[in-house]
Amino acid sequence: MRKFRLVVAAKQASEPENTRLMLGDFMADVLLDVRHDAKIFHWIVQKIGSAAIIHWGQEHTFQEAKAAAQGYLESLRHASQQKKA
Protein backbone atom coordinates (compact mmCIF):
# COMPACT_ATOMS: atom_id res chain seq x y z
CA MET A 1 0.00 0.00 0.00
CA ARG A 2 1.37 3.37 -1.01
CA LYS A 3 1.09 6.45 1.11
CA PHE A 4 0.69 9.69 -0.71
CA ARG A 5 1.78 12.96 0.74
CA LEU A 6 0.02 16.06 -0.48
CA VAL A 7 2.44 18.85 -1.24
CA VAL A 8 1.14 22.33 -1.91
CA ALA A 9 3.47 24.89 -3.34
CA ALA A 10 3.55 28.05 -1.30
CA LYS A 11 2.04 30.93 -3.21
CA GLN A 12 4.54 33.73 -3.44
CA ALA A 13 2.20 36.71 -3.27
CA SER A 14 4.01 40.01 -3.32
CA GLU A 15 0.84 41.75 -2.18
CA PRO A 16 -2.08 40.39 -0.14
CA GLU A 17 -5.31 39.94 -2.07
CA ASN A 18 -7.78 40.77 0.72
CA THR A 19 -7.24 42.65 3.96
CA ARG A 20 -9.57 44.08 6.59
CA LEU A 21 -8.59 47.10 8.69
CA MET A 22 -10.57 48.14 11.76
CA LEU A 23 -10.40 51.37 13.71
CA GLY A 24 -12.96 52.45 16.30
CA ASP A 25 -16.46 51.95 14.91
CA PHE A 26 -15.29 51.63 11.31
CA MET A 27 -13.70 49.05 9.03
CA ALA A 28 -12.11 49.05 5.61
CA ASP A 29 -11.61 46.15 3.23
CA VAL A 30 -8.78 46.23 0.69
CA LEU A 31 -9.53 43.83 -2.16
CA LEU A 32 -7.69 42.81 -5.30
CA ASP A 33 -9.88 43.04 -8.40
CA VAL A 34 -9.02 39.95 -10.43
CA ARG A 35 -11.29 40.84 -13.35
CA HIS A 36 -8.61 42.97 -15.00
CA ASP A 37 -5.20 42.14 -16.43
CA ALA A 38 -3.65 45.03 -14.52
CA LYS A 39 -3.79 44.88 -10.73
CA ILE A 40 -6.39 47.16 -9.22
CA PHE A 41 -6.99 47.28 -5.49
CA HIS A 42 -10.34 48.55 -4.22
CA TRP A 43 -10.79 49.88 -0.71
CA ILE A 44 -14.22 50.09 0.88
CA VAL A 45 -15.03 51.81 4.19
CA GLN A 46 -18.09 50.92 6.28
CA LYS A 47 -19.35 51.40 9.80
CA ILE A 48 -19.08 48.11 11.69
CA GLY A 49 -22.46 46.37 11.59
CA SER A 50 -23.73 48.36 8.61
CA ALA A 51 -23.91 47.32 4.97
CA ALA A 52 -23.82 50.96 3.83
CA ILE A 53 -20.61 52.05 2.12
CA ILE A 54 -19.27 55.30 3.56
CA HIS A 55 -16.46 55.75 1.06
CA TRP A 56 -14.53 53.74 -1.51
CA GLY A 57 -11.64 54.14 -3.88
CA GLN A 58 -9.18 52.22 -6.02
CA GLU A 59 -5.42 52.27 -6.34
CA HIS A 60 -2.77 50.53 -8.43
CA THR A 61 -0.91 48.90 -5.53
CA PHE A 62 -1.88 47.24 -2.27
CA GLN A 63 0.25 49.68 -0.28
CA GLU A 64 -1.47 52.70 -1.87
CA ALA A 65 -4.93 51.24 -1.22
CA LYS A 66 -4.05 50.32 2.36
CA ALA A 67 -2.64 53.79 3.02
CA ALA A 68 -5.73 55.48 1.54
CA ALA A 69 -8.07 53.28 3.59
CA GLN A 70 -6.08 53.87 6.79
CA GLY A 71 -6.08 57.61 6.18
CA TYR A 72 -9.83 57.65 5.70
CA LEU A 73 -10.39 55.53 8.82
CA GLU A 74 -8.24 57.97 10.79
CA SER A 75 -10.27 60.93 9.53
CA LEU A 76 -13.54 59.19 10.52
CA ARG A 77 -12.19 58.42 13.98
CA HIS A 78 -11.02 62.00 14.41
CA ALA A 79 -14.41 63.35 13.29
CA SER A 80 -16.30 61.03 15.67
CA GLN A 81 -14.05 62.10 18.55
CA GLN A 82 -14.73 65.76 17.71
CA LYS A 83 -18.50 65.11 17.91
CA LYS A 84 -18.14 63.47 21.34
CA ALA A 85 -16.08 66.37 22.73
PDB file of N, CA and C in Angstrom:
ATOM      1  N   MET A   1       0.837  -1.171   0.000  1.00  0.00           N
ATOM      2  CA  MET A   1       0.000   0.000   0.000  1.00  0.00           C
ATOM      3  C   MET A   1       0.885   1.238   0.000  1.00  0.00           C
ATOM      4  N   ARG A   2       0.596   2.117  -0.917  1.00  0.00           N
ATOM      5  CA  ARG A   2       1.366   3.368  -1.015  1.00  0.00           C
ATOM      6  C   ARG A   2       0.725   4.449  -0.171  1.00  0.00           C
ATOM      7  N   LYS A   3       1.578   5.274   0.382  1.00  0.00           N
ATOM      8  CA  LYS A   3       1.088   6.450   1.106  1.00  0.00           C
ATOM      9  C   LYS A   3       1.441   7.663   0.266  1.00  0.00           C
ATOM     10  N   PHE A   4       0.465   8.477   0.047  1.00  0.00           N
ATOM     11  CA  PHE A   4       0.691   9.694  -0.708  1.00  0.00           C
ATOM     12  C   PHE A   4       0.761  10.869   0.258  1.00  0.00           C
ATOM     13  N   ARG A   5       1.642  11.751  -0.050  1.00  0.00           N
ATOM     14  CA  ARG A   5       1.781  12.964   0.741  1.00  0.00           C
ATOM     15  C   ARG A   5       1.397  14.131  -0.155  1.00  0.00           C
ATOM     16  N   LEU A   6       0.462  14.912   0.279  1.00  0.00           N
ATOM     17  CA  LEU A   6       0.019  16.061  -0.480  1.00  0.00           C
ATOM     18  C   LEU A   6       0.984  17.208  -0.242  1.00  0.00           C
ATOM     19  N   VAL A   7       1.504  17.729  -1.321  1.00  0.00           N
ATOM     20  CA  VAL A   7       2.441  18.851  -1.237  1.00  0.00           C
ATOM     21  C   VAL A   7       1.821  20.015  -1.983  1.00  0.00           C
ATOM     22  N   VAL A   8       1.705  21.134  -1.298  1.00  0.00           N
ATOM     23  CA  VAL A   8       1.143  22.327  -1.911  1.00  0.00           C
ATOM     24  C   VAL A   8       2.247  23.370  -1.979  1.00  0.00           C
ATOM     25  N   ALA A   9       2.456  23.858  -3.168  1.00  0.00           N
ATOM     26  CA  ALA A   9       3.474  24.892  -3.335  1.00  0.00           C
ATOM     27  C   ALA A   9       3.000  26.174  -2.668  1.00  0.00           C
ATOM     28  N   ALA A  10       3.886  26.787  -1.945  1.00  0.00           N
ATOM     29  CA  ALA A  10       3.545  28.054  -1.298  1.00  0.00           C
ATOM     30  C   ALA A  10       3.387  29.125  -2.361  1.00  0.00           C
ATOM     31  N   LYS A  11       2.302  29.849  -2.266  1.00  0.00           N
ATOM     32  CA  LYS A  11       2.043  30.929  -3.213  1.00  0.00           C
ATOM     33  C   LYS A  11       2.884  32.132  -2.812  1.00  0.00           C
ATOM     34  N   GLN A  12       3.686  32.583  -3.704  1.00  0.00           N
ATOM     35  CA  GLN A  12       4.540  33.734  -3.441  1.00  0.00           C
ATOM     36  C   GLN A  12       3.804  35.008  -3.841  1.00  0.00           C
ATOM     37  N   ALA A  13       2.958  35.501  -2.983  1.00  0.00           N
ATOM     38  CA  ALA A  13       2.204  36.715  -3.270  1.00  0.00           C
ATOM     39  C   ALA A  13       3.000  37.912  -2.796  1.00  0.00           C
ATOM     40  N   SER A  14       3.284  38.814  -3.711  1.00  0.00           N
ATOM     41  CA  SER A  14       4.012  40.012  -3.322  1.00  0.00           C
ATOM     42  C   SER A  14       3.097  40.980  -2.584  1.00  0.00           C
ATOM     43  N   GLU A  15       1.804  40.884  -2.835  1.00  0.00           N
ATOM     44  CA  GLU A  15       0.843  41.748  -2.177  1.00  0.00           C
ATOM     45  C   GLU A  15      -0.363  40.906  -1.755  1.00  0.00           C
ATOM     46  N   PRO A  16      -0.895  41.133  -0.566  1.00  0.00           N
ATOM     47  CA  PRO A  16      -2.083  40.387  -0.144  1.00  0.00           C
ATOM     48  C   PRO A  16      -3.259  40.686  -1.072  1.00  0.00           C
ATOM     49  N   GLU A  17      -4.154  39.736  -1.208  1.00  0.00           N
ATOM     50  CA  GLU A  17      -5.313  39.940  -2.070  1.00  0.00           C
ATOM     51  C   GLU A  17      -6.480  40.580  -1.331  1.00  0.00           C
ATOM     52  N   ASN A  18      -6.656  40.250  -0.066  1.00  0.00           N
ATOM     53  CA  ASN A  18      -7.782  40.771   0.717  1.00  0.00           C
ATOM     54  C   ASN A  18      -7.320  41.060   2.139  1.00  0.00           C
ATOM     55  N   THR A  19      -7.638  42.249   2.616  1.00  0.00           N
ATOM     56  CA  THR A  19      -7.235  42.646   3.958  1.00  0.00           C
ATOM     57  C   THR A  19      -8.341  43.480   4.585  1.00  0.00           C
ATOM     58  N   ARG A  20      -8.597  43.267   5.866  1.00  0.00           N
ATOM     59  CA  ARG A  20      -9.569  44.085   6.594  1.00  0.00           C
ATOM     60  C   ARG A  20      -8.838  44.890   7.658  1.00  0.00           C
ATOM     61  N   LEU A  21      -9.134  46.181   7.695  1.00  0.00           N
ATOM     62  CA  LEU A  21      -8.588  47.095   8.694  1.00  0.00           C
ATOM     63  C   LEU A  21      -9.748  47.565   9.561  1.00  0.00           C
ATOM     64  N   MET A  22      -9.516  47.672  10.866  1.00  0.00           N
ATOM     65  CA  MET A  22     -10.568  48.138  11.765  1.00  0.00           C
ATOM     66  C   MET A  22     -10.007  49.221  12.674  1.00  0.00           C
ATOM     67  N   LEU A  23     -10.806  50.274  12.847  1.00  0.00           N
ATOM     68  CA  LEU A  23     -10.402  51.368  13.715  1.00  0.00           C
ATOM     69  C   LEU A  23     -11.661  51.986  14.306  1.00  0.00           C
ATOM     70  N   GLY A  24     -11.771  51.920  15.631  1.00  0.00           N
ATOM     71  CA  GLY A  24     -12.961  52.450  16.296  1.00  0.00           C
ATOM     72  C   GLY A  24     -14.209  51.735  15.820  1.00  0.00           C
ATOM     73  N   ASP A  25     -15.186  52.505  15.372  1.00  0.00           N
ATOM     74  CA  ASP A  25     -16.464  51.952  14.912  1.00  0.00           C
ATOM     75  C   ASP A  25     -16.483  51.660  13.415  1.00  0.00           C
ATOM     76  N   PHE A  26     -15.329  51.740  12.769  1.00  0.00           N
ATOM     77  CA  PHE A  26     -15.285  51.628  11.315  1.00  0.00           C
ATOM     78  C   PHE A  26     -14.332  50.535  10.854  1.00  0.00           C
ATOM     79  N   MET A  27     -14.581  50.054   9.630  1.00  0.00           N
ATOM     80  CA  MET A  27     -13.696  49.050   9.034  1.00  0.00           C
ATOM     81  C   MET A  27     -13.500  49.377   7.563  1.00  0.00           C
ATOM     82  N   ALA A  28     -12.391  48.880   7.027  1.00  0.00           N
ATOM     83  CA  ALA A  28     -12.110  49.052   5.607  1.00  0.00           C
ATOM     84  C   ALA A  28     -11.587  47.726   5.069  1.00  0.00           C
ATOM     85  N   ASP A  29     -12.104  47.333   3.928  1.00  0.00           N
ATOM     86  CA  ASP A  29     -11.609  46.150   3.230  1.00  0.00           C
ATOM     87  C   ASP A  29     -10.783  46.609   2.039  1.00  0.00           C
ATOM     88  N   VAL A  30      -9.629  45.992   1.867  1.00  0.00           N
ATOM     89  CA  VAL A  30      -8.784  46.226   0.694  1.00  0.00           C
ATOM     90  C   VAL A  30      -8.816  44.934  -0.106  1.00  0.00           C
ATOM     91  N   LEU A  31      -9.290  45.018  -1.349  1.00  0.00           N
ATOM     92  CA  LEU A  31      -9.534  43.829  -2.162  1.00  0.00           C
ATOM     93  C   LEU A  31      -8.871  43.943  -3.526  1.00  0.00           C
ATOM     94  N   LEU A  32      -8.267  42.869  -3.971  1.00  0.00           N
ATOM     95  CA  LEU A  32      -7.685  42.810  -5.302  1.00  0.00           C
ATOM     96  C   LEU A  32      -8.783  42.481  -6.304  1.00  0.00           C
ATOM     97  N   ASP A  33      -8.904  43.295  -7.331  1.00  0.00           N
ATOM     98  CA  ASP A  33      -9.880  43.041  -8.404  1.00  0.00           C
ATOM     99  C   ASP A  33      -9.207  42.155  -9.440  1.00  0.00           C
ATOM    100  N   VAL A  34      -9.648  40.922  -9.534  1.00  0.00           N
ATOM    101  CA  VAL A  34      -9.018  39.946 -10.433  1.00  0.00           C
ATOM    102  C   VAL A  34      -9.657  39.933 -11.817  1.00  0.00           C
ATOM    103  N   ARG A  35     -10.615  40.817 -12.052  1.00  0.00           N
ATOM    104  CA  ARG A  35     -11.288  40.840 -13.347  1.00  0.00           C
ATOM    105  C   ARG A  35     -10.471  41.539 -14.423  1.00  0.00           C
ATOM    106  N   HIS A  36      -9.408  42.207 -14.046  1.00  0.00           N
ATOM    107  CA  HIS A  36      -8.615  42.970 -15.003  1.00  0.00           C
ATOM    108  C   HIS A  36      -7.210  42.383 -15.113  1.00  0.00           C
ATOM    109  N   ASP A  37      -6.573  42.598 -16.252  1.00  0.00           N
ATOM    110  CA  ASP A  37      -5.195  42.139 -16.426  1.00  0.00           C
ATOM    111  C   ASP A  37      -4.246  42.914 -15.516  1.00  0.00           C
ATOM    112  N   ALA A  38      -4.467  44.211 -15.411  1.00  0.00           N
ATOM    113  CA  ALA A  38      -3.647  45.030 -14.520  1.00  0.00           C
ATOM    114  C   ALA A  38      -4.206  44.917 -13.107  1.00  0.00           C
ATOM    115  N   LYS A  39      -3.335  44.957 -12.118  1.00  0.00           N
ATOM    116  CA  LYS A  39      -3.792  44.877 -10.728  1.00  0.00           C
ATOM    117  C   LYS A  39      -4.483  46.182 -10.337  1.00  0.00           C
ATOM    118  N   ILE A  40      -5.664  46.035  -9.778  1.00  0.00           N
ATOM    119  CA  ILE A  40      -6.395  47.164  -9.223  1.00  0.00           C
ATOM    120  C   ILE A  40      -6.874  46.738  -7.840  1.00  0.00           C
ATOM    121  N   PHE A  41      -6.570  47.558  -6.862  1.00  0.00           N
ATOM    122  CA  PHE A  41      -6.991  47.283  -5.486  1.00  0.00           C
ATOM    123  C   PHE A  41      -8.075  48.273  -5.095  1.00  0.00           C
ATOM    124  N   HIS A  42      -9.224  47.738  -4.690  1.00  0.00           N
ATOM    125  CA  HIS A  42     -10.338  48.553  -4.223  1.00  0.00           C
ATOM    126  C   HIS A  42     -10.261  48.639  -2.706  1.00  0.00           C
ATOM    127  N   TRP A  43     -10.646  49.769  -2.158  1.00  0.00           N
ATOM    128  CA  TRP A  43     -10.786  49.877  -0.712  1.00  0.00           C
ATOM    129  C   TRP A  43     -12.173  50.442  -0.407  1.00  0.00           C
ATOM    130  N   ILE A  44     -12.822  49.808   0.570  1.00  0.00           N
ATOM    131  CA  ILE A  44     -14.219  50.088   0.882  1.00  0.00           C
ATOM    132  C   ILE A  44     -14.343  50.315   2.386  1.00  0.00           C
ATOM    133  N   VAL A  45     -14.894  51.450   2.771  1.00  0.00           N
ATOM    134  CA  VAL A  45     -15.029  51.809   4.191  1.00  0.00           C
ATOM    135  C   VAL A  45     -16.498  51.721   4.595  1.00  0.00           C
ATOM    136  N   GLN A  46     -16.743  51.072   5.741  1.00  0.00           N
ATOM    137  CA  GLN A  46     -18.093  50.920   6.285  1.00  0.00           C
ATOM    138  C   GLN A  46     -18.055  51.086   7.791  1.00  0.00           C
ATOM    139  N   LYS A  47     -19.205  51.428   8.350  1.00  0.00           N
ATOM    140  CA  LYS A  47     -19.346  51.403   9.797  1.00  0.00           C
ATOM    141  C   LYS A  47     -19.572  49.948  10.182  1.00  0.00           C
ATOM    142  N   ILE A  48     -18.940  49.500  11.250  1.00  0.00           N
ATOM    143  CA  ILE A  48     -19.082  48.112  11.693  1.00  0.00           C
ATOM    144  C   ILE A  48     -20.554  47.837  11.981  1.00  0.00           C
ATOM    145  N   GLY A  49     -21.067  46.753  11.406  1.00  0.00           N
ATOM    146  CA  GLY A  49     -22.457  46.368  11.590  1.00  0.00           C
ATOM    147  C   GLY A  49     -23.406  46.940  10.549  1.00  0.00           C
ATOM    148  N   SER A  50     -22.896  47.748   9.646  1.00  0.00           N
ATOM    149  CA  SER A  50     -23.732  48.359   8.614  1.00  0.00           C
ATOM    150  C   SER A  50     -23.283  47.898   7.228  1.00  0.00           C
ATOM    151  N   ALA A  51     -24.238  47.697   6.344  1.00  0.00           N
ATOM    152  CA  ALA A  51     -23.909  47.325   4.966  1.00  0.00           C
ATOM    153  C   ALA A  51     -23.651  48.555   4.100  1.00  0.00           C
ATOM    154  N   ALA A  52     -23.990  49.732   4.603  1.00  0.00           N
ATOM    155  CA  ALA A  52     -23.821  50.962   3.832  1.00  0.00           C
ATOM    156  C   ALA A  52     -22.334  51.281   3.638  1.00  0.00           C
ATOM    157  N   ILE A  53     -21.983  51.658   2.429  1.00  0.00           N
ATOM    158  CA  ILE A  53     -20.607  52.047   2.118  1.00  0.00           C
ATOM    159  C   ILE A  53     -20.476  53.544   2.376  1.00  0.00           C
ATOM    160  N   ILE A  54     -19.515  53.901   3.230  1.00  0.00           N
ATOM    161  CA  ILE A  54     -19.273  55.299   3.564  1.00  0.00           C
ATOM    162  C   ILE A  54     -18.402  55.944   2.492  1.00  0.00           C
ATOM    163  N   HIS A  55     -17.388  55.218   2.059  1.00  0.00           N
ATOM    164  CA  HIS A  55     -16.457  55.748   1.063  1.00  0.00           C
ATOM    165  C   HIS A  55     -15.736  54.586   0.408  1.00  0.00           C
ATOM    166  N   TRP A  56     -15.310  54.771  -0.834  1.00  0.00           N
ATOM    167  CA  TRP A  56     -14.533  53.736  -1.508  1.00  0.00           C
ATOM    168  C   TRP A  56     -13.598  54.394  -2.510  1.00  0.00           C
ATOM    169  N   GLY A  57     -12.583  53.650  -2.893  1.00  0.00           N
ATOM    170  CA  GLY A  57     -11.639  54.139  -3.881  1.00  0.00           C
ATOM    171  C   GLY A  57     -10.890  52.971  -4.489  1.00  0.00           C
ATOM    172  N   GLN A  58     -10.008  53.265  -5.431  1.00  0.00           N
ATOM    173  CA  GLN A  58      -9.178  52.216  -6.018  1.00  0.00           C
ATOM    174  C   GLN A  58      -7.795  52.771  -6.304  1.00  0.00           C
ATOM    175  N   GLU A  59      -6.824  51.892  -6.166  1.00  0.00           N
ATOM    176  CA  GLU A  59      -5.424  52.267  -6.343  1.00  0.00           C
ATOM    177  C   GLU A  59      -4.723  51.177  -7.152  1.00  0.00           C
ATOM    178  N   HIS A  60      -3.515  51.485  -7.606  1.00  0.00           N
ATOM    179  CA  HIS A  60      -2.771  50.530  -8.433  1.00  0.00           C
ATOM    180  C   HIS A  60      -1.941  49.536  -7.633  1.00  0.00           C
ATOM    181  N   THR A  61      -1.676  49.836  -6.350  1.00  0.00           N
ATOM    182  CA  THR A  61      -0.914  48.896  -5.526  1.00  0.00           C
ATOM    183  C   THR A  61      -1.638  48.675  -4.199  1.00  0.00           C
ATOM    184  N   PHE A  62      -1.311  47.545  -3.575  1.00  0.00           N
ATOM    185  CA  PHE A  62      -1.882  47.239  -2.268  1.00  0.00           C
ATOM    186  C   PHE A  62      -1.487  48.303  -1.252  1.00  0.00           C
ATOM    187  N   GLN A  63      -0.233  48.698  -1.256  1.00  0.00           N
ATOM    188  CA  GLN A  63       0.246  49.679  -0.279  1.00  0.00           C
ATOM    189  C   GLN A  63      -0.495  51.010  -0.414  1.00  0.00           C
ATOM    190  N   GLU A  64      -0.730  51.456  -1.656  1.00  0.00           N
ATOM    191  CA  GLU A  64      -1.468  52.703  -1.868  1.00  0.00           C
ATOM    192  C   GLU A  64      -2.907  52.579  -1.375  1.00  0.00           C
ATOM    193  N   ALA A  65      -3.547  51.455  -1.657  1.00  0.00           N
ATOM    194  CA  ALA A  65      -4.928  51.245  -1.218  1.00  0.00           C
ATOM    195  C   ALA A  65      -5.015  51.155   0.296  1.00  0.00           C
ATOM    196  N   LYS A  66      -4.072  50.447   0.897  1.00  0.00           N
ATOM    197  CA  LYS A  66      -4.054  50.320   2.357  1.00  0.00           C
ATOM    198  C   LYS A  66      -3.834  51.686   3.013  1.00  0.00           C
ATOM    199  N   ALA A  67      -2.917  52.468   2.476  1.00  0.00           N
ATOM    200  CA  ALA A  67      -2.639  53.794   3.024  1.00  0.00           C
ATOM    201  C   ALA A  67      -3.859  54.708   2.880  1.00  0.00           C
ATOM    202  N   ALA A  68      -4.534  54.651   1.748  1.00  0.00           N
ATOM    203  CA  ALA A  68      -5.730  55.478   1.540  1.00  0.00           C
ATOM    204  C   ALA A  68      -6.832  55.073   2.514  1.00  0.00           C
ATOM    205  N   ALA A  69      -7.040  53.771   2.671  1.00  0.00           N
ATOM    206  CA  ALA A  69      -8.066  53.280   3.591  1.00  0.00           C
ATOM    207  C   ALA A  69      -7.737  53.666   5.029  1.00  0.00           C
ATOM    208  N   GLN A  70      -6.475  53.512   5.422  1.00  0.00           N
ATOM    209  CA  GLN A  70      -6.077  53.872   6.789  1.00  0.00           C
ATOM    210  C   GLN A  70      -6.265  55.369   7.026  1.00  0.00           C
ATOM    211  N   GLY A  71      -5.906  56.168   6.050  1.00  0.00           N
ATOM    212  CA  GLY A  71      -6.082  57.612   6.184  1.00  0.00           C
ATOM    213  C   GLY A  71      -7.542  57.995   6.352  1.00  0.00           C
ATOM    214  N   TYR A  72      -8.407  57.353   5.588  1.00  0.00           N
ATOM    215  CA  TYR A  72      -9.831  57.654   5.696  1.00  0.00           C
ATOM    216  C   TYR A  72     -10.389  57.186   7.037  1.00  0.00           C
ATOM    217  N   LEU A  73      -9.966  56.007   7.493  1.00  0.00           N
ATOM    218  CA  LEU A  73     -10.393  55.532   8.815  1.00  0.00           C
ATOM    219  C   LEU A  73      -9.959  56.501   9.909  1.00  0.00           C
ATOM    220  N   GLU A  74      -8.743  57.002   9.804  1.00  0.00           N
ATOM    221  CA  GLU A  74      -8.235  57.974  10.790  1.00  0.00           C
ATOM    222  C   GLU A  74      -9.085  59.239  10.792  1.00  0.00           C
ATOM    223  N   SER A  75      -9.461  59.709   9.596  1.00  0.00           N
ATOM    224  CA  SER A  75     -10.271  60.927   9.525  1.00  0.00           C
ATOM    225  C   SER A  75     -11.661  60.697  10.131  1.00  0.00           C
ATOM    226  N   LEU A  76     -12.239  59.507   9.923  1.00  0.00           N
ATOM    227  CA  LEU A  76     -13.536  59.191  10.524  1.00  0.00           C
ATOM    228  C   LEU A  76     -13.436  59.123  12.043  1.00  0.00           C
ATOM    229  N   ARG A  77     -12.373  58.511  12.526  1.00  0.00           N
ATOM    230  CA  ARG A  77     -12.188  58.416  13.981  1.00  0.00           C
ATOM    231  C   ARG A  77     -12.019  59.808  14.583  1.00  0.00           C
ATOM    232  N   HIS A  78     -11.242  60.632  13.927  1.00  0.00           N
ATOM    233  CA  HIS A  78     -11.020  61.996  14.413  1.00  0.00           C
ATOM    234  C   HIS A  78     -12.333  62.781  14.430  1.00  0.00           C
ATOM    235  N   ALA A  79     -13.121  62.644  13.369  1.00  0.00           N
ATOM    236  CA  ALA A  79     -14.407  63.348  13.293  1.00  0.00           C
ATOM    237  C   ALA A  79     -15.368  62.856  14.374  1.00  0.00           C
ATOM    238  N   SER A  80     -15.390  61.540  14.631  1.00  0.00           N
ATOM    239  CA  SER A  80     -16.301  61.031  15.666  1.00  0.00           C
ATOM    240  C   SER A  80     -15.844  61.458  17.057  1.00  0.00           C
ATOM    241  N   GLN A  81     -14.538  61.609  17.265  1.00  0.00           N
ATOM    242  CA  GLN A  81     -14.049  62.096  18.548  1.00  0.00           C
ATOM    243  C   GLN A  81     -14.398  63.567  18.736  1.00  0.00           C
ATOM    244  N   GLN A  82     -14.372  64.331  17.641  1.00  0.00           N
ATOM    245  CA  GLN A  82     -14.732  65.757  17.707  1.00  0.00           C
ATOM    246  C   GLN A  82     -16.197  65.909  18.116  1.00  0.00           C
ATOM    247  N   LYS A  83     -17.063  65.046  17.591  1.00  0.00           N
ATOM    248  CA  LYS A  83     -18.499  65.110  17.908  1.00  0.00           C
ATOM    249  C   LYS A  83     -18.751  64.804  19.380  1.00  0.00           C
ATOM    250  N   LYS A  84     -17.961  63.873  19.936  1.00  0.00           N
ATOM    251  CA  LYS A  84     -18.142  63.472  21.338  1.00  0.00           C
ATOM    252  C   LYS A  84     -17.629  64.529  22.303  1.00  0.00           C
ATOM    253  N   ALA A  85     -16.690  65.357  21.850  1.00  0.00           N
ATOM    254  CA  ALA A  85     -16.082  66.369  22.731  1.00  0.00           C
ATOM    255  C   ALA A  85     -16.960  67.593  22.909  1.00  0.00           C
TER     256      ALA A  85
END
